[in-house]
């Protein structure tokens, strides 16, 4: 091994050690909270996509009627 490789290995080892220490401090959400929030995101996404889809349809039909004449 080169002498140049050792500082990188020491830095990498130190970095991943710090990452592990920080992840140990994280307060992870409970399963029920994750399920509830995921369901909320899916429902809001479905509502927004339906709204945008309806607007797209209305604008497309309006333009079609205006340009066909």
N, C-alpha and C. Protein backbone atom coordinates (compact mmCIF):
# COMPACT_ATOMS: atom_id res chain seq x y z
N UNK A 1 0.83 -1.19 0.00
CA UNK A 1 0.00 0.00 0.00
C UNK A 1 0.87 1.24 0.00
N UNK A 2 0.40 2.22 -0.69
CA UNK A 2 1.08 3.50 -0.72
C UNK A 2 0.83 4.28 0.56
N UNK A 3 1.69 5.22 0.81
CA UNK A 3 1.45 6.12 1.92
C UNK A 3 0.29 7.06 1.60
N UNK A 4 0.08 7.29 0.29
CA UNK A 4 -1.02 8.18 -0.10
C UNK A 4 -2.37 7.54 0.14
N UNK A 5 -2.47 6.22 0.11
CA UNK A 5 -3.75 5.52 0.30
C UNK A 5 -4.21 5.57 1.75
N UNK A 6 -3.31 5.59 2.69
CA UNK A 6 -3.68 5.54 4.10
C UNK A 6 -4.52 6.73 4.55
N UNK A 7 -4.17 7.96 4.19
CA UNK A 7 -5.03 9.06 4.65
C UNK A 7 -6.46 8.92 4.12
N UNK A 8 -6.62 8.49 2.87
CA UNK A 8 -7.97 8.30 2.32
C UNK A 8 -8.71 7.23 3.10
N UNK A 9 -8.05 6.12 3.38
CA UNK A 9 -8.70 5.04 4.13
C UNK A 9 -9.08 5.51 5.53
N UNK A 10 -8.21 6.28 6.15
CA UNK A 10 -8.52 6.80 7.49
C UNK A 10 -9.71 7.76 7.43
N UNK A 11 -9.72 8.61 6.41
CA UNK A 11 -10.84 9.55 6.27
C UNK A 11 -12.14 8.80 5.99
N UNK A 12 -12.10 7.80 5.13
CA UNK A 12 -13.30 7.04 4.79
C UNK A 12 -13.81 6.29 6.02
N UNK A 13 -12.92 5.67 6.76
CA UNK A 13 -13.31 4.94 7.96
C UNK A 13 -13.92 5.89 8.98
N UNK A 14 -13.30 7.05 9.15
CA UNK A 14 -13.83 8.04 10.10
C UNK A 14 -15.19 8.56 9.67
N UNK A 15 -15.33 8.80 8.38
CA UNK A 15 -16.60 9.31 7.85
C UNK A 15 -17.74 8.32 8.10
N UNK A 16 -17.52 7.06 7.74
CA UNK A 16 -18.58 6.06 7.92
C UNK A 16 -18.85 5.79 9.39
N UNK A 17 -17.84 5.94 10.23
CA UNK A 17 -18.06 5.82 11.68
C UNK A 17 -18.96 6.93 12.19
N UNK A 18 -18.75 8.15 11.70
CA UNK A 18 -19.59 9.28 12.08
C UNK A 18 -21.01 9.12 11.56
N UNK A 19 -21.14 8.61 10.34
CA UNK A 19 -22.47 8.37 9.78
C UNK A 19 -23.24 7.37 10.65
N UNK A 20 -22.57 6.31 11.04
CA UNK A 20 -23.22 5.30 11.88
C UNK A 20 -23.64 5.88 13.22
N UNK A 21 -22.79 6.73 13.80
CA UNK A 21 -23.11 7.36 15.08
C UNK A 21 -24.31 8.29 14.95
N UNK A 22 -24.38 9.04 13.86
CA UNK A 22 -25.52 9.94 13.65
C UNK A 22 -26.81 9.17 13.41
N UNK A 23 -26.73 8.08 12.65
CA UNK A 23 -27.93 7.27 12.40
C UNK A 23 -28.45 6.63 13.68
N UNK A 24 -27.58 6.38 14.63
CA UNK A 24 -28.01 5.82 15.90
C UNK A 24 -28.82 6.84 16.70
N UNK A 25 -28.62 8.13 16.44
CA UNK A 25 -29.33 9.19 17.15
C UNK A 25 -30.72 9.48 16.55
N UNK A 26 -30.96 8.99 15.34
CA UNK A 26 -32.21 9.30 14.65
C UNK A 26 -33.39 8.65 15.36
N UNK A 27 -34.48 9.41 15.49
CA UNK A 27 -35.72 8.86 16.04
C UNK A 27 -36.58 8.47 14.85
N UNK A 28 -36.65 7.18 14.59
CA UNK A 28 -37.39 6.68 13.44
C UNK A 28 -38.87 6.64 13.75
N UNK A 29 -39.74 6.93 12.77
CA UNK A 29 -41.19 6.91 13.02
C UNK A 29 -41.70 5.49 13.22
N UNK A 30 -42.81 5.41 13.92
CA UNK A 30 -43.45 4.10 14.15
C UNK A 30 -44.13 3.65 12.86
N UNK A 31 -44.37 2.36 12.75
CA UNK A 31 -44.97 1.78 11.55
C UNK A 31 -46.35 2.40 11.26
N UNK A 32 -47.15 2.60 12.31
CA UNK A 32 -48.49 3.17 12.13
C UNK A 32 -48.41 4.56 11.52
N UNK A 33 -47.45 5.35 11.97
CA UNK A 33 -47.28 6.71 11.46
C UNK A 33 -46.86 6.69 9.99
N UNK A 34 -45.96 5.78 9.66
CA UNK A 34 -45.50 5.66 8.27
C UNK A 34 -46.67 5.27 7.36
N UNK A 35 -47.48 4.31 7.78
CA UNK A 35 -48.62 3.86 6.98
C UNK A 35 -49.62 5.00 6.81
N UNK A 36 -49.91 5.73 7.90
CA UNK A 36 -50.87 6.83 7.84
C UNK A 36 -50.38 7.94 6.90
N UNK A 37 -49.13 8.32 7.02
CA UNK A 37 -48.60 9.39 6.18
C UNK A 37 -48.48 8.95 4.72
N UNK A 38 -48.15 7.69 4.49
CA UNK A 38 -48.08 7.18 3.12
C UNK A 38 -49.46 7.20 2.48
N UNK A 39 -50.48 6.79 3.22
CA UNK A 39 -51.85 6.82 2.70
C UNK A 39 -52.28 8.24 2.40
N UNK A 40 -51.89 9.19 3.24
CA UNK A 40 -52.22 10.59 3.01
C UNK A 40 -51.58 11.09 1.72
N UNK A 41 -50.33 10.77 1.51
CA UNK A 41 -49.63 11.20 0.30
C UNK A 41 -50.27 10.59 -0.94
N UNK A 42 -50.62 9.32 -0.88
CA UNK A 42 -51.24 8.65 -2.02
C UNK A 42 -52.60 9.27 -2.34
N UNK A 43 -53.39 9.57 -1.30
CA UNK A 43 -54.71 10.17 -1.52
C UNK A 43 -54.59 11.57 -2.11
N UNK A 44 -53.71 12.38 -1.59
CA UNK A 44 -53.53 13.73 -2.11
C UNK A 44 -53.02 13.68 -3.54
N UNK A 45 -52.11 12.76 -3.83
CA UNK A 45 -51.60 12.61 -5.20
C UNK A 45 -52.72 12.21 -6.15
N UNK A 46 -53.59 11.33 -5.73
CA UNK A 46 -54.71 10.90 -6.58
C UNK A 46 -55.67 12.06 -6.83
N UNK A 47 -55.95 12.85 -5.80
CA UNK A 47 -56.86 13.99 -5.96
C UNK A 47 -56.26 15.03 -6.91
N UNK A 48 -54.99 15.34 -6.72
CA UNK A 48 -54.32 16.32 -7.58
C UNK A 48 -54.26 15.82 -9.02
N UNK A 49 -53.96 14.54 -9.21
CA UNK A 49 -53.88 14.01 -10.58
C UNK A 49 -55.25 14.01 -11.24
N UNK A 50 -56.31 13.72 -10.50
CA UNK A 50 -57.66 13.76 -11.07
C UNK A 50 -58.03 15.19 -11.45
N UNK A 51 -57.69 16.15 -10.60
CA UNK A 51 -57.96 17.56 -10.88
C UNK A 51 -57.21 18.02 -12.13
N UNK A 52 -55.93 17.71 -12.20
CA UNK A 52 -55.14 18.11 -13.37
C UNK A 52 -55.61 17.39 -14.64
N UNK A 53 -55.99 16.14 -14.50
CA UNK A 53 -56.51 15.40 -15.64
C UNK A 53 -57.80 16.02 -16.16
N UNK A 54 -58.67 16.43 -15.24
CA UNK A 54 -59.91 17.08 -15.64
C UNK A 54 -59.64 18.41 -16.34
N UNK A 55 -58.72 19.20 -15.80
CA UNK A 55 -58.36 20.46 -16.45
C UNK A 55 -57.78 20.22 -17.84
N UNK A 56 -56.93 19.24 -17.96
CA UNK A 56 -56.33 18.91 -19.25
C UNK A 56 -57.41 18.53 -20.26
N UNK A 57 -58.34 17.72 -19.83
CA UNK A 57 -59.43 17.29 -20.72
C UNK A 57 -60.26 18.49 -21.15
N UNK A 58 -60.61 19.35 -20.20
CA UNK A 58 -61.43 20.53 -20.53
C UNK A 58 -60.69 21.44 -21.51
N UNK A 59 -59.41 21.72 -21.24
CA UNK A 59 -58.65 22.59 -22.14
C UNK A 59 -58.47 21.95 -23.52
N UNK A 60 -58.25 20.66 -23.57
CA UNK A 60 -58.07 19.97 -24.85
C UNK A 60 -59.36 20.03 -25.67
N UNK A 61 -60.50 19.76 -25.02
CA UNK A 61 -61.79 19.82 -25.73
C UNK A 61 -62.09 21.24 -26.20
N UNK A 62 -61.78 22.23 -25.36
CA UNK A 62 -62.03 23.63 -25.74
C UNK A 62 -61.19 24.02 -26.93
N UNK A 63 -59.92 23.67 -26.92
CA UNK A 63 -59.07 23.98 -28.05
C UNK A 63 -59.50 23.23 -29.31
N UNK A 64 -59.90 22.00 -29.12
CA UNK A 64 -60.37 21.21 -30.26
C UNK A 64 -61.60 21.86 -30.89
N UNK A 65 -62.52 22.33 -30.08
CA UNK A 65 -63.72 22.98 -30.61
C UNK A 65 -63.39 24.30 -31.29
N UNK A 66 -62.43 25.03 -30.74
CA UNK A 66 -62.05 26.32 -31.32
C UNK A 66 -61.27 26.15 -32.63
N UNK A 67 -60.43 25.14 -32.71
CA UNK A 67 -59.59 24.98 -33.90
C UNK A 67 -60.28 24.24 -35.03
N UNK A 68 -61.28 23.44 -34.74
CA UNK A 68 -61.96 22.67 -35.76
C UNK A 68 -62.83 23.59 -36.62
N UNK A 69 -63.34 24.61 -36.03
CA UNK A 69 -64.25 25.52 -36.77
C UNK A 69 -63.53 26.25 -37.83
